[in-house]
Protein backbone atom coordinates (compact mmCIF):
# COMPACT_ATOMS: atom_id res chain seq x y z
CA UNK A 1 1.28 -15.29 -44.01
CA UNK A 2 -0.49 -13.09 -41.49
CA UNK A 3 1.28 -9.83 -40.71
CA UNK A 4 2.31 -9.37 -37.13
CA UNK A 5 0.89 -6.27 -35.47
CA UNK A 6 3.27 -3.58 -34.30
CA UNK A 7 4.56 -4.02 -30.74
CA UNK A 8 2.96 -0.68 -29.76
CA UNK A 9 -0.50 -2.31 -29.85
CA UNK A 10 0.60 -5.20 -27.65
CA UNK A 11 2.34 -2.83 -25.26
CA UNK A 12 -0.64 -0.49 -24.94
CA UNK A 13 -3.25 -3.24 -24.65
CA UNK A 14 -1.22 -4.91 -21.91
CA UNK A 15 -0.55 -1.63 -20.08
CA UNK A 16 -4.23 -0.62 -20.20
CA UNK A 17 -5.52 -4.04 -19.14
CA UNK A 18 -8.31 -3.84 -16.57
CA UNK A 19 -9.15 -0.18 -17.25
CA UNK A 20 -12.00 -0.62 -19.72
CA UNK A 21 -14.53 1.23 -17.53
CA UNK A 22 -12.22 4.21 -17.03
CA UNK A 23 -11.44 4.39 -20.76
CA UNK A 24 -15.15 4.30 -21.72
CA UNK A 25 -15.91 7.12 -19.25
CA UNK A 26 -13.00 9.14 -20.63
CA UNK A 27 -14.07 8.69 -24.28
CA UNK A 28 -17.63 9.74 -23.47
CA UNK A 29 -16.31 12.78 -21.60
CA UNK A 30 -14.09 13.71 -24.57
CA UNK A 31 -17.11 13.61 -26.91
CA UNK A 32 -19.14 15.77 -24.52
CA UNK A 33 -16.28 18.25 -24.09
CA UNK A 34 -15.80 18.64 -27.85
CA UNK A 35 -19.54 18.94 -28.46
CA UNK A 36 -19.72 21.79 -25.95
CA UNK A 37 -16.64 23.38 -27.56
CA UNK A 38 -18.50 23.44 -30.89
CA UNK A 39 -21.79 24.64 -29.40
CA UNK A 40 -20.20 27.83 -28.04
CA UNK A 41 -19.23 29.33 -31.45
CA UNK A 42 -22.63 28.27 -32.79
CA UNK A 43 -24.27 30.42 -30.11
CA UNK A 44 -22.05 33.37 -31.10
CA UNK A 45 -23.11 32.86 -34.71
CA UNK A 46 -26.75 32.91 -33.63
CA UNK A 47 -26.14 36.13 -31.66
CA UNK A 48 -24.51 37.81 -34.67
CA UNK A 49 -27.38 36.80 -36.97
CA UNK A 50 -29.99 37.97 -34.46
CA UNK A 51 -28.25 41.33 -34.11
CA UNK A 52 -28.04 41.78 -37.89
CA UNK A 53 -31.15 40.03 -39.21
CA UNK A 54 -33.31 39.48 -36.09
CA UNK A 55 -33.45 35.87 -37.23
CA UNK A 56 -31.29 32.77 -36.90
CA UNK A 57 -31.50 28.99 -37.04
CA UNK A 58 -30.56 26.19 -34.69
CA UNK A 59 -30.77 22.71 -36.13
CA UNK A 60 -34.13 22.87 -37.95
CA UNK A 61 -35.64 25.56 -35.76
CA UNK A 62 -35.96 29.18 -36.86
CA UNK A 63 -35.56 31.71 -34.06
CA UNK A 64 -36.76 35.29 -34.57
CA UNK A 65 -36.97 38.39 -32.36
CA UNK A 66 -39.00 41.54 -32.88
CA UNK A 67 -36.62 43.97 -31.20
CA UNK A 68 -32.92 43.91 -30.34
CA UNK A 69 -32.81 44.29 -26.57
CA UNK A 70 -31.44 42.52 -23.53
CA UNK A 71 -34.74 40.83 -22.74
CA UNK A 72 -34.89 39.11 -26.14
CA UNK A 73 -31.19 38.14 -26.22
CA UNK A 74 -30.58 37.22 -22.57
CA UNK A 75 -31.16 33.50 -23.28
CA UNK A 76 -27.88 33.28 -25.23
CA UNK A 77 -25.57 34.52 -22.37
CA UNK A 78 -27.48 32.23 -19.98
CA UNK A 79 -26.91 29.22 -22.24
CA UNK A 80 -23.25 30.23 -22.66
CA UNK A 81 -22.82 30.35 -18.88
CA UNK A 82 -24.42 26.93 -18.46
CA UNK A 83 -22.23 25.51 -21.23
CA UNK A 84 -19.13 27.01 -19.58
CA UNK A 85 -20.01 25.19 -16.35
CA UNK A 86 -20.51 21.90 -18.21
CA UNK A 87 -17.25 22.48 -20.09
CA UNK A 88 -15.41 22.99 -16.81
CA UNK A 89 -16.96 19.83 -15.34
CA UNK A 90 -16.17 17.66 -18.38
CA UNK A 91 -12.65 19.11 -18.53
CA UNK A 92 -12.07 18.21 -14.89
CA UNK A 93 -13.42 14.66 -15.37
CA UNK A 94 -11.37 14.27 -18.56
CA UNK A 95 -8.11 15.31 -16.88
CA UNK A 96 -8.86 13.20 -13.80
CA UNK A 97 -9.55 9.96 -15.70
CA UNK A 98 -6.73 10.61 -18.14
CA UNK A 99 -4.27 10.88 -15.23
CA UNK A 100 -5.62 7.74 -13.55
CA UNK A 101 -5.43 5.69 -16.76
CA UNK A 102 -1.95 6.86 -17.71
CA UNK A 103 -0.44 6.45 -14.23
CA UNK A 104 -1.93 2.99 -13.74
CA UNK A 105 -0.65 1.97 -17.18
CA UNK A 106 2.88 3.25 -16.61
CA UNK A 107 2.95 1.69 -13.12
CA UNK A 108 1.92 -1.66 -14.60
CA UNK A 109 4.56 -1.38 -17.32
CA UNK A 110 7.39 -0.43 -14.93
CA UNK A 111 6.40 -3.31 -12.66
CA UNK A 112 6.38 -5.73 -15.60
CA UNK A 113 9.78 -4.57 -16.89
CA UNK A 114 11.37 -4.81 -13.45
CA UNK A 115 9.92 -8.31 -12.98
CA UNK A 116 11.10 -9.33 -16.44
CA UNK A 117 14.64 -8.12 -15.76
CA UNK A 118 14.74 -10.35 -12.69
CA UNK A 119 13.51 -13.31 -14.76
CA UNK A 120 16.39 -12.96 -17.21
CA UNK A 121 19.23 -15.37 -16.64
CA UNK A 122 22.86 -14.36 -16.63
CA UNK A 123 23.17 -15.19 -20.33
CA UNK A 124 21.16 -12.06 -21.22
CA UNK A 125 23.41 -9.87 -19.07
CA UNK A 126 26.46 -11.54 -20.60
CA UNK A 127 25.37 -10.29 -24.03
CA UNK A 128 23.83 -6.90 -23.26
CA UNK A 129 25.25 -3.94 -21.39
CA UNK A 130 23.53 -2.67 -18.26
CA UNK A 131 23.57 0.81 -19.85
CA UNK A 132 21.10 -0.50 -22.43
CA UNK A 133 18.75 -1.61 -19.66
CA UNK A 134 19.14 1.77 -17.95
CA UNK A 135 18.23 3.46 -21.24
CA UNK A 136 15.15 1.23 -21.56
CA UNK A 137 14.06 1.83 -17.99
CA UNK A 138 14.60 5.59 -18.00
CA UNK A 139 14.59 7.16 -21.47
CA UNK A 140 12.16 4.78 -23.17
CA UNK A 141 9.75 4.72 -20.26
CA UNK A 142 9.86 8.54 -20.21
CA UNK A 143 8.58 8.70 -23.79
CA UNK A 144 5.96 6.07 -23.08
CA UNK A 145 4.89 7.97 -19.98
CA UNK A 146 4.52 11.16 -22.05
CA UNK A 147 2.49 9.37 -24.68
CA UNK A 148 0.15 7.75 -22.14
CA UNK A 149 -0.16 10.94 -20.09
CA UNK A 150 -0.40 13.46 -22.93
CA UNK A 151 -0.19 11.96 -26.38
CA UNK A 152 -2.64 9.05 -26.56
CA UNK A 153 -5.84 10.76 -25.45
CA UNK A 154 -4.81 14.04 -27.05
CA UNK A 155 -4.54 12.07 -30.28
CA UNK A 156 -8.08 10.78 -29.76
CA UNK A 157 -9.52 14.10 -28.57
CA UNK A 158 -7.98 16.23 -31.34
CA UNK A 159 -9.03 13.73 -34.01
CA UNK A 160 -12.59 13.79 -32.71
CA UNK A 161 -12.68 17.60 -32.55
CA UNK A 162 -11.22 18.08 -36.04
CA UNK A 163 -13.60 15.47 -37.49
CA UNK A 164 -16.62 17.08 -35.82
CA UNK A 165 -15.50 20.53 -37.01
CA UNK A 166 -15.32 19.41 -40.63
CA UNK A 167 -18.74 17.75 -40.35
CA UNK A 168 -20.03 21.05 -38.97
CA UNK A 169 -18.41 22.92 -41.89
CA UNK A 170 -20.11 20.61 -44.40
CA UNK A 171 -23.46 21.29 -42.71
CA UNK A 172 -22.87 25.07 -42.90
CA UNK A 173 -21.50 25.03 -46.47
CA UNK A 174 -20.62 21.80 -48.25
CA UNK A 175 -18.30 23.50 -50.82
CA UNK A 176 -16.22 25.07 -48.04
CA UNK A 177 -16.27 21.86 -46.02
CA UNK A 178 -15.21 19.54 -48.84
CA UNK A 179 -12.49 21.89 -50.15
CA UNK A 180 -10.91 22.42 -46.74
CA UNK A 181 -11.09 18.66 -46.02
CA UNK A 182 -9.31 17.97 -49.31
CA UNK A 183 -6.53 20.43 -48.42
CA UNK A 184 -6.21 18.95 -44.92
CA UNK A 185 -6.04 15.36 -46.21
CA UNK A 186 -3.42 16.29 -48.82
CA UNK A 187 -1.20 17.98 -46.25
CA UNK A 188 -1.72 15.04 -43.88
CA UNK A 189 -0.45 12.67 -46.58
CA UNK A 190 2.71 14.74 -47.09
CA UNK A 191 3.30 15.07 -43.35
CA UNK A 192 2.80 11.31 -42.94
CA UNK A 193 5.49 10.64 -45.55
CA UNK A 194 7.87 12.98 -43.71
CA UNK A 195 7.11 11.29 -40.38
CA UNK A 196 7.61 7.86 -41.95
CA UNK A 197 10.96 9.06 -43.30
CA UNK A 198 11.97 10.17 -39.79
CA UNK A 199 11.27 6.74 -38.25
CA UNK A 200 14.68 5.15 -39.08
CA UNK A 201 16.41 8.28 -37.79
CA UNK A 202 14.51 8.04 -34.49
CA UNK A 203 15.66 4.43 -34.14
CA UNK A 204 19.24 5.47 -34.83
CA UNK A 205 19.04 8.27 -32.25
CA UNK A 206 17.86 5.77 -29.64
CA UNK A 207 20.80 3.51 -30.46
CA UNK A 208 23.25 6.40 -30.17
CA UNK A 209 21.70 7.38 -26.82
CA UNK A 210 22.09 3.82 -25.51
CA UNK A 211 25.71 3.76 -26.72
CA UNK A 212 26.41 7.03 -24.95
CA UNK A 213 24.83 5.77 -21.70
CA UNK A 214 26.86 2.55 -21.92
CA UNK A 215 30.08 4.47 -22.51
CA UNK A 216 29.34 6.93 -19.70
CA UNK A 217 28.45 4.11 -17.27
CA UNK A 218 31.66 2.23 -18.03
CA UNK A 219 33.76 5.37 -17.68
CA UNK A 220 32.25 6.15 -14.29
CA UNK A 221 32.78 2.60 -13.04
CA UNK A 222 36.28 2.41 -14.51
CA UNK A 223 37.35 5.93 -13.61
CA UNK A 224 40.14 4.73 -11.31
CA UNK A 225 41.63 2.52 -14.05
CA UNK A 226 41.36 5.29 -16.64
CA UNK A 227 43.28 7.72 -14.48
CA UNK A 228 45.84 5.17 -13.31
CA UNK A 229 46.72 4.29 -16.92
CA UNK A 230 46.97 7.94 -17.94
CA UNK A 231 44.41 7.62 -20.75
CA UNK A 232 41.92 10.18 -19.44
CA UNK A 233 42.25 12.40 -22.54
CA UNK A 234 41.71 9.42 -24.85
CA UNK A 235 38.54 8.39 -22.99
CA UNK A 236 37.28 11.98 -23.03
CA UNK A 237 37.76 12.11 -26.81
CA UNK A 238 36.06 8.73 -27.15
CA UNK A 239 33.06 9.91 -25.12
CA UNK A 240 32.87 13.17 -27.10
CA UNK A 241 32.64 11.09 -30.27
CA UNK A 242 29.66 9.23 -28.79
CA UNK A 243 28.05 12.53 -27.80
CA UNK A 244 28.68 13.95 -31.29
CA UNK A 245 27.01 10.96 -32.93
CA UNK A 246 23.96 11.48 -30.72
CA UNK A 247 23.98 15.25 -31.36
CA UNK A 248 24.18 14.87 -35.17
CA UNK A 249 21.45 12.25 -35.21
CA UNK A 250 19.22 14.41 -33.00
CA UNK A 251 19.75 17.42 -35.29
CA UNK A 252 18.69 15.36 -38.28
CA UNK A 253 15.69 14.09 -36.34
CA UNK A 254 14.67 17.65 -35.42
CA UNK A 255 14.70 18.70 -39.09
CA UNK A 256 12.27 15.95 -40.02
CA UNK A 257 9.97 16.58 -37.06
CA UNK A 258 9.99 20.37 -37.62
CA UNK A 259 9.06 19.88 -41.27
CA UNK A 260 6.27 17.53 -40.21
CA UNK A 261 4.85 20.13 -37.81
CA UNK A 262 5.14 23.03 -40.28
CA UNK A 263 3.35 21.21 -43.10
CA UNK A 264 0.38 20.64 -40.80
CA UNK A 265 0.27 24.19 -39.44
CA UNK A 266 0.68 25.99 -42.77
CA UNK A 267 -2.05 23.85 -44.31
CA UNK A 268 -4.36 25.16 -41.57
CA UNK A 269 -3.50 28.78 -42.45
CA UNK A 270 -4.09 27.96 -46.12
CA UNK A 271 -7.45 26.50 -45.15
CA UNK A 272 -8.42 29.72 -43.35
CA UNK A 273 -7.51 31.85 -46.36
CA UNK A 274 -9.31 29.62 -48.88
CA UNK A 275 -12.24 28.77 -46.61
CA UNK A 276 -13.02 32.39 -45.61
CA UNK A 277 -12.46 33.67 -49.18
CA UNK A 278 -14.81 31.04 -50.57
CA UNK A 279 -17.42 31.69 -47.89
CA UNK A 280 -17.38 35.44 -48.65
CA UNK A 281 -17.80 34.67 -52.35
CA UNK A 282 -20.68 32.31 -51.60
CA UNK A 283 -22.25 34.97 -49.38
CA UNK A 284 -22.09 37.40 -52.30
CA UNK A 285 -23.94 34.98 -54.56
CA UNK A 286 -26.37 34.08 -51.75
CA UNK A 287 -25.25 30.48 -51.23
CA UNK A 288 -24.28 31.40 -47.67
CA UNK A 289 -27.11 33.39 -46.22
CA UNK A 290 -25.72 35.02 -43.04
CA UNK A 291 -22.69 36.93 -41.79
CA UNK A 292 -22.83 34.73 -38.71
CA UNK A 293 -22.13 31.69 -40.89
CA UNK A 294 -18.98 33.35 -42.25
CA UNK A 295 -17.91 34.06 -38.67
CA UNK A 296 -18.56 30.42 -37.70
CA UNK A 297 -16.53 29.13 -40.67
CA UNK A 298 -13.62 31.38 -39.71
CA UNK A 299 -13.90 30.39 -36.05
CA UNK A 300 -13.93 26.64 -36.78
CA UNK A 301 -11.00 26.79 -39.21
CA UNK A 302 -9.04 28.93 -36.77
CA UNK A 303 -9.92 26.69 -33.80
CA UNK A 304 -8.57 23.68 -35.71
CA UNK A 305 -5.03 25.18 -35.64
CA UNK A 306 -4.25 24.54 -31.93
CA UNK A 307 -5.84 21.09 -32.28
CA UNK A 308 -3.57 20.32 -35.22
CA UNK A 309 -0.57 21.53 -33.18
CA UNK A 310 -1.29 19.13 -30.32
CA UNK A 311 -2.27 16.39 -32.79
CA UNK A 312 1.10 16.78 -34.52
CA UNK A 313 2.85 16.62 -31.17
CA UNK A 314 0.83 13.53 -30.24
CA UNK A 315 1.70 11.89 -33.57
CA UNK A 316 5.37 12.70 -32.92
CA UNK A 317 5.09 11.04 -29.50
CA UNK A 318 3.30 8.07 -31.08
CA UNK A 319 6.18 7.45 -33.50
CA UNK A 320 8.73 7.77 -30.69
CA UNK A 321 6.65 5.39 -28.59
CA UNK A 322 6.63 2.93 -31.50
CA UNK A 323 10.44 3.00 -31.42
CA UNK A 324 10.28 2.55 -27.64
CA UNK A 325 7.85 -0.36 -28.00
CA UNK A 326 10.27 -2.15 -30.32
CA UNK A 327 13.08 -1.81 -27.78
CA UNK A 328 10.94 -2.84 -24.81
CA UNK A 329 9.46 -5.78 -26.75
CA UNK A 330 13.00 -7.04 -27.27
CA UNK A 331 13.32 -7.40 -23.49
CA UNK A 332 9.86 -8.97 -23.08
CA UNK A 333 10.48 -11.46 -25.90
CA UNK A 334 13.97 -12.39 -24.77
CA UNK A 335 14.41 -16.14 -24.61
CA UNK A 336 17.18 -15.73 -22.04
CA UNK A 337 14.82 -16.37 -19.18
CA UNK A 338 14.97 -18.89 -16.39
CA UNK A 339 12.51 -21.74 -16.71
CA UNK A 340 10.32 -21.37 -13.63
CA UNK A 341 7.61 -23.91 -14.41
CA UNK A 342 8.26 -26.04 -11.35
CA UNK A 343 5.46 -26.55 -8.84
CA UNK A 344 7.26 -28.28 -5.98
CA UNK A 345 8.52 -26.35 -2.95
CA UNK A 346 11.98 -27.19 -1.66
CA UNK A 347 11.45 -27.66 2.07
CA UNK A 348 14.59 -29.43 3.22
CA UNK A 349 17.70 -29.93 1.11
CA UNK A 350 19.48 -33.26 0.95
CA UNK A 351 22.04 -34.31 -1.62
CA UNK A 352 22.71 -32.27 -4.76
CA UNK A 353 23.64 -34.39 -7.78
CA UNK A 354 25.01 -33.54 -11.21
CA UNK A 355 24.11 -36.19 -13.77
CA UNK A 356 26.17 -35.85 -16.97
CA UNK A 357 25.81 -32.04 -16.85
CA UNK A 358 27.33 -29.89 -19.60
CA UNK A 359 27.04 -26.19 -20.25
CA UNK A 360 28.19 -23.76 -22.92
CA UNK A 361 28.03 -19.96 -23.07
CA UNK A 362 28.64 -19.98 -26.82
CA UNK A 363 27.38 -22.65 -29.18
CA UNK A 364 29.92 -25.40 -29.58
CA UNK A 365 32.24 -24.36 -26.73
CA UNK A 366 31.58 -26.26 -23.51
CA UNK A 367 32.83 -24.73 -20.26
CA UNK A 368 31.30 -27.59 -18.22
CA UNK A 369 31.62 -31.03 -19.74
CA UNK A 370 29.86 -34.20 -18.55
CA UNK A 371 30.00 -33.48 -14.81
CA UNK A 372 28.90 -36.36 -12.54
CA UNK A 373 29.27 -35.46 -8.88
CA UNK A 374 27.34 -35.55 -5.62
CA UNK A 375 27.41 -32.76 -3.04
CA UNK A 376 26.47 -34.48 0.26
CA UNK A 377 24.09 -32.80 2.67
CA UNK A 378 25.58 -30.64 5.44
CA UNK A 379 29.16 -31.07 4.25
CA UNK A 380 31.86 -28.51 3.48
CA UNK A 381 32.85 -29.19 -0.12
CA UNK A 382 35.83 -27.61 -1.84
CA UNK A 383 36.09 -26.84 -5.57
CA UNK A 384 39.59 -26.15 -6.86
CA UNK A 385 41.15 -25.48 -10.22
CA UNK A 386 42.92 -22.87 -12.26
CA UNK A 387 41.08 -19.76 -13.48
CA UNK A 388 38.66 -20.71 -16.26
CA UNK A 389 38.30 -24.32 -15.15
CA UNK A 390 34.52 -23.95 -14.64
CA UNK A 391 34.19 -23.56 -10.85
CA UNK A 392 32.08 -20.38 -10.96
CA UNK A 393 29.84 -21.77 -13.70
CA UNK A 394 29.18 -24.87 -11.61
CA UNK A 395 27.99 -22.72 -8.69
CA UNK A 396 25.82 -20.59 -11.02
CA UNK A 397 24.13 -23.74 -12.30
CA UNK A 398 23.25 -24.77 -8.74
CA UNK A 399 21.82 -21.29 -8.12
CA UNK A 400 19.89 -21.57 -11.41
CA UNK A 401 21.39 -18.45 -12.94
CA UNK A 402 21.85 -20.59 -16.05
CA UNK A 403 20.22 -23.75 -17.38
CA UNK A 404 22.39 -26.80 -18.21
CA UNK A 405 22.91 -27.38 -21.93
CA UNK A 406 22.89 -31.14 -21.30
CA UNK A 407 22.15 -33.41 -18.35
CA UNK A 408 20.23 -32.79 -15.15
CA UNK A 409 20.82 -31.41 -11.68
CA UNK A 410 18.78 -33.01 -8.91
CA UNK A 411 18.03 -32.06 -5.32
CA UNK A 412 16.57 -34.77 -3.09
CA UNK A 413 16.44 -37.00 -6.20
CA UNK A 414 14.08 -34.53 -7.94
CA UNK A 415 15.03 -32.56 -11.02
CA UNK A 416 15.96 -29.04 -9.94
CA UNK A 417 13.47 -27.74 -12.55
CA UNK A 418 10.62 -29.37 -10.58
CA UNK A 419 11.08 -26.85 -7.77
CA UNK A 420 10.12 -23.20 -7.95
CA UNK A 421 13.11 -20.91 -8.21
CA UNK A 422 11.92 -18.92 -5.22
CA UNK A 423 11.78 -21.99 -2.97
CA UNK A 424 15.32 -23.01 -4.04
CA UNK A 425 16.84 -19.57 -3.50
CA UNK A 426 15.05 -19.17 -0.17
CA UNK A 427 17.20 -22.09 1.01
CA UNK A 428 20.37 -20.79 -0.60
CA UNK A 429 22.92 -17.98 -0.38
CA UNK A 430 25.69 -17.24 -2.85
CA UNK A 431 28.69 -15.00 -2.15
CA UNK A 432 30.43 -13.68 -5.25
CA UNK A 433 34.09 -12.84 -5.56
CA UNK A 434 33.14 -9.28 -6.54
CA UNK A 435 30.95 -8.10 -3.68
CA UNK A 436 28.25 -5.60 -4.57
CA UNK A 437 27.25 -3.28 -1.73
CA UNK A 438 24.30 -0.90 -1.78
CA UNK A 439 24.93 2.77 -1.05
CA UNK A 440 23.32 2.58 2.37
CA UNK A 441 24.45 1.63 5.89
CA UNK A 442 26.46 -1.43 6.91
CA UNK A 443 23.45 -2.57 8.97
CA UNK A 444 21.12 -2.45 5.95
CA UNK A 445 23.67 -4.14 3.69
CA UNK A 446 24.07 -7.11 6.03
CA UNK A 447 20.29 -7.38 6.59
CA UNK A 448 19.46 -6.92 2.88
CA UNK A 449 18.22 -10.51 2.46
CA UNK A 450 16.50 -10.48 5.85
CA UNK A 451 15.13 -6.97 6.56
CA UNK A 452 13.53 -8.16 9.82
CA UNK A 453 16.85 -9.33 11.30
CA UNK A 454 17.55 -8.20 14.84
CA UNK A 455 20.68 -6.33 15.93
CA UNK A 456 21.92 -9.50 17.66
CA UNK A 457 21.50 -11.59 14.49
CA UNK A 458 23.40 -9.01 12.44
CA UNK A 459 26.22 -8.82 14.97
CA UNK A 460 26.50 -12.63 15.13
CA UNK A 461 26.72 -12.83 11.33
CA UNK A 462 29.37 -10.10 11.33
CA UNK A 463 31.37 -11.98 13.97
CA UNK A 464 31.30 -15.18 11.90
CA UNK A 465 32.57 -13.16 8.93
CA UNK A 466 35.31 -11.59 11.10
CA UNK A 467 34.12 -8.04 10.40
CA UNK A 468 32.41 -7.10 13.69
CA UNK A 469 35.52 -5.59 15.34
CA UNK A 470 36.17 -3.37 12.34
CA UNK A 471 32.54 -2.17 12.24
CA UNK A 472 32.35 -1.18 15.89
CA UNK A 473 35.64 0.72 15.50
CA UNK A 474 33.89 3.12 13.08
CA UNK A 475 32.41 6.33 14.57
CA UNK A 476 28.88 5.36 13.54
CA UNK A 477 29.35 1.60 13.81
CA UNK A 478 26.70 -0.38 11.97
CA UNK A 479 25.00 2.86 10.86
CA UNK A 480 28.02 3.87 8.78
CA UNK A 481 27.12 4.51 5.15
CA UNK A 482 29.40 2.62 2.76
CA UNK A 483 28.96 4.93 -0.24
CA UNK A 484 28.20 3.90 -3.81
CA UNK A 485 29.13 0.21 -4.25
CA UNK A 486 31.02 0.37 -0.94
CA UNK A 487 33.57 2.84 -2.25
CA UNK A 488 34.73 3.71 1.28
CA UNK A 489 35.72 0.10 2.08
CA UNK A 490 38.65 -2.09 1.05
CA UNK A 491 38.21 -5.20 -1.06
CA UNK A 492 38.60 -7.49 1.94
CA UNK A 493 36.08 -5.51 4.01
CA UNK A 494 33.56 -5.70 1.20
CA UNK A 495 34.01 -9.45 0.91
CA UNK A 496 33.50 -9.98 4.61
CA UNK A 497 30.31 -7.89 4.54
CA UNK A 498 29.13 -10.02 1.61
CA UNK A 499 29.82 -13.19 3.64
CA UNK A 500 27.95 -11.76 6.65
CA UNK A 501 25.01 -10.87 4.38
CA UNK A 502 24.85 -14.54 3.29
CA UNK A 503 25.33 -16.06 6.76
CA UNK A 504 22.50 -14.06 8.33
CA UNK A 505 20.07 -16.01 6.13
CA UNK A 506 21.19 -19.28 7.77
CA UNK A 507 20.95 -21.00 4.37
CA UNK A 508 20.78 -24.75 3.86
CA UNK A 509 23.01 -24.32 0.80
CA UNK A 510 25.90 -21.85 0.94
CA UNK A 511 27.88 -21.19 -2.25
CA UNK A 512 31.13 -19.26 -1.81
CA UNK A 513 32.75 -18.30 -5.10
CA UNK A 514 36.36 -17.39 -4.26
CA UNK A 515 34.85 -14.72 -2.01
CA UNK A 516 37.88 -14.60 0.31
CA UNK A 517 40.45 -13.76 -2.38
CA UNK A 518 41.06 -10.26 -0.99
CA UNK A 519 41.57 -11.48 2.58
CA UNK A 520 44.81 -12.37 4.28
CA UNK A 521 45.36 -16.10 4.83
CA UNK A 522 44.68 -15.99 8.58
CA UNK A 523 41.33 -14.18 8.26
CA UNK A 524 40.26 -16.55 5.48
CA UNK A 525 41.07 -19.61 7.60
CA UNK A 526 39.17 -18.13 10.57
CA UNK A 527 36.06 -17.51 8.45
CA UNK A 528 36.12 -21.04 7.01
CA UNK A 529 36.61 -22.45 10.51
CA UNK A 530 33.66 -20.40 11.83
CA UNK A 531 31.43 -21.64 9.00
CA UNK A 532 32.54 -25.23 9.54
CA UNK A 533 31.84 -25.11 13.29
CA UNK A 534 28.67 -22.97 13.37
CA UNK A 535 26.91 -24.11 10.21
CA UNK A 536 26.67 -27.85 10.75
CA UNK A 537 23.27 -27.96 8.99
CA UNK A 538 24.52 -26.22 5.86
CA UNK A 539 25.83 -27.70 2.63
CA UNK A 540 28.71 -25.38 1.80
CA UNK A 541 30.49 -25.34 -1.55
CA UNK A 542 33.67 -23.31 -1.35
CA UNK A 543 36.28 -22.29 -3.93
CA UNK A 544 39.64 -20.87 -2.95
CA UNK A 545 43.15 -20.33 -4.28
CA UNK A 546 44.80 -21.01 -0.89
CA UNK A 547 45.75 -24.43 0.36
CA UNK A 548 45.45 -23.67 4.08
CA UNK A 549 41.79 -22.65 3.75
CA UNK A 550 40.94 -25.99 2.12
CA UNK A 551 42.10 -28.01 5.14
CA UNK A 552 38.62 -27.76 6.70
CA UNK A 553 36.88 -29.10 3.59
CA UNK A 554 35.43 -32.57 4.07
CA UNK A 555 35.62 -33.40 0.40
CA UNK A 556 37.31 -31.80 -2.60
CA UNK A 557 36.71 -31.79 -6.35
CA UNK A 558 39.47 -30.75 -8.73
CA UNK A 559 38.46 -29.20 -12.05
CA UNK A 560 40.34 -28.77 -15.29
CA UNK A 561 38.88 -27.43 -18.56
CA UNK A 562 35.31 -27.93 -17.35
CA UNK A 563 35.79 -31.49 -16.15
CA UNK A 564 36.24 -33.15 -12.77
CA UNK A 565 39.64 -34.84 -12.99
CA UNK A 566 40.21 -35.65 -9.30
CA UNK A 567 38.22 -35.94 -6.10
CA UNK A 568 38.79 -37.01 -2.55
CA UNK A 569 39.75 -35.84 0.93
CA UNK A 570 42.34 -33.16 1.55
CA UNK A 571 44.82 -35.78 2.77
CA UNK A 572 44.46 -38.01 -0.28
CA UNK A 573 44.81 -35.12 -2.76
CA UNK A 574 47.96 -33.68 -1.21
CA UNK A 575 50.00 -36.59 -2.56
CA UNK A 576 52.90 -35.68 -4.86
CA UNK A 577 51.50 -37.31 -7.98
CA UNK A 578 48.11 -35.48 -7.99
CA UNK A 579 47.03 -32.59 -10.22
CA UNK A 580 45.75 -30.94 -7.05
CA UNK A 581 49.28 -30.84 -5.70
CA UNK A 582 50.52 -29.15 -8.86
CA UNK A 583 48.07 -26.32 -8.25
CA UNK A 584 48.50 -26.06 -4.48
CA UNK A 585 51.73 -27.07 -2.85
CA UNK A 586 52.76 -26.30 0.75
CA UNK A 587 56.00 -24.84 -0.57
CA UNK A 588 54.20 -22.42 -2.87
CA UNK A 589 51.76 -21.48 -0.10
CA UNK A 590 54.55 -20.73 2.33
CA UNK A 591 56.36 -18.60 -0.24
CA UNK A 592 53.20 -16.63 -0.89
CA UNK A 593 52.80 -15.96 2.77
């Protein structure tokens, strides 16, 4: 069976797509830069040999001078100056193209991850914590950014320089070159084994980091509950345990990485000692003919040290990026995506039909079972049932947050899968029970789905949601900032803003998932009445736990354990022998009020 390549190669090839020209220019520039780097010490070697012997070699040419004076030696400083200019130019081009390539790659990757997250259906989010996604988007992308910006081309450049240096050493003295190469390869093998050993620890550290982020996120979001239950100290201890796990794993990781770096560096110092000692010995027995050659050997072996340092750092980043690639690939390869293969555009919505639709979150446990209903166009439909009866799931299936396990949903007698998700959701608005508000102004929260909305449109939507009077009573009115997740507002105020945000879209399909639960009965009835009167061209599906708010519904479906057990008008379902009446009775409603 063919081995699958590591995700790092897929990730990099995809991120660098369309940048072939830039990469070729960069590689050529790196070769030129390193060649110039190696020419400079060669010129110093020539100068030393000319000063001592009045003779030197370059390639196959023998250069001699009769007298040691400025006139005979001026060509070397001139060449050095020219090389310095070329080195500066190639360095500038190298840095410029390296930045362009890395930033384009990371931009492409961030864009792809963000798009992928929005393709995931709710089933993915049901199984994985948002803290894990935050870790992927922030911490993992940070390492990938470092590798693309610093590590990848440093890895290439340092490898090229070190390889060219050893080739140069073999040309100068093959015994010195081969011996130092052997030492370098041996140390590289040991350092590779250490780095390989560190790989599982790096994976573990990433997991501990994700766990810590998840725990921290939950504690911040649930801070009010933690304090109200008096378990602050327990949660602090729990978080400290998560931090300790991360700290211990990081310490272990640092030991491995430090050992990896030190093996590489000390092998370089060993190479200098052995290489220079051997070159001096060879000079004594006339196998190395010039003092300048000994200088050049020392210079090259010494110049390799900083290259090995950055190469080790780049290799460290590569391994961390491999861990990152595994985690990011998990998101890209997730099967919990919404099938968006439809080609039709939903222009005008008519009837919505459920044909033998079933759905299960977990294998073998249906929460929706063989639903067969029709939601007529431009009607106000009520869904009622106890908590857990499947009402919310039914709305999520219409919005295509999930795919049915069995059966089909049709709009205008076409399978809902035949339409693009964008065209469906452009005709739809869904208001959740838990309203999420962005930490910006009330104006921007209401206009979130329609940024071009006028002030009049926003005010009209707010009036329909019975929130306008409250907004204008605030010192800054619609420009009032609501704080993170609307922390400055009550539950009922948040829900009304959520309703206004949906109504401003003037959707053809409006799904309201118990989104008036935090409102008083009178306000809820007023909102439903406003929707009924002002949204005649909207199919509205509404769930509520109050009987009075269901009076305006033109048709009602009663759910129990994922099945439709009753349906009909409000009048027909308020009979004494109905299941509907067991859930909602006028007596109970009056007592609640």
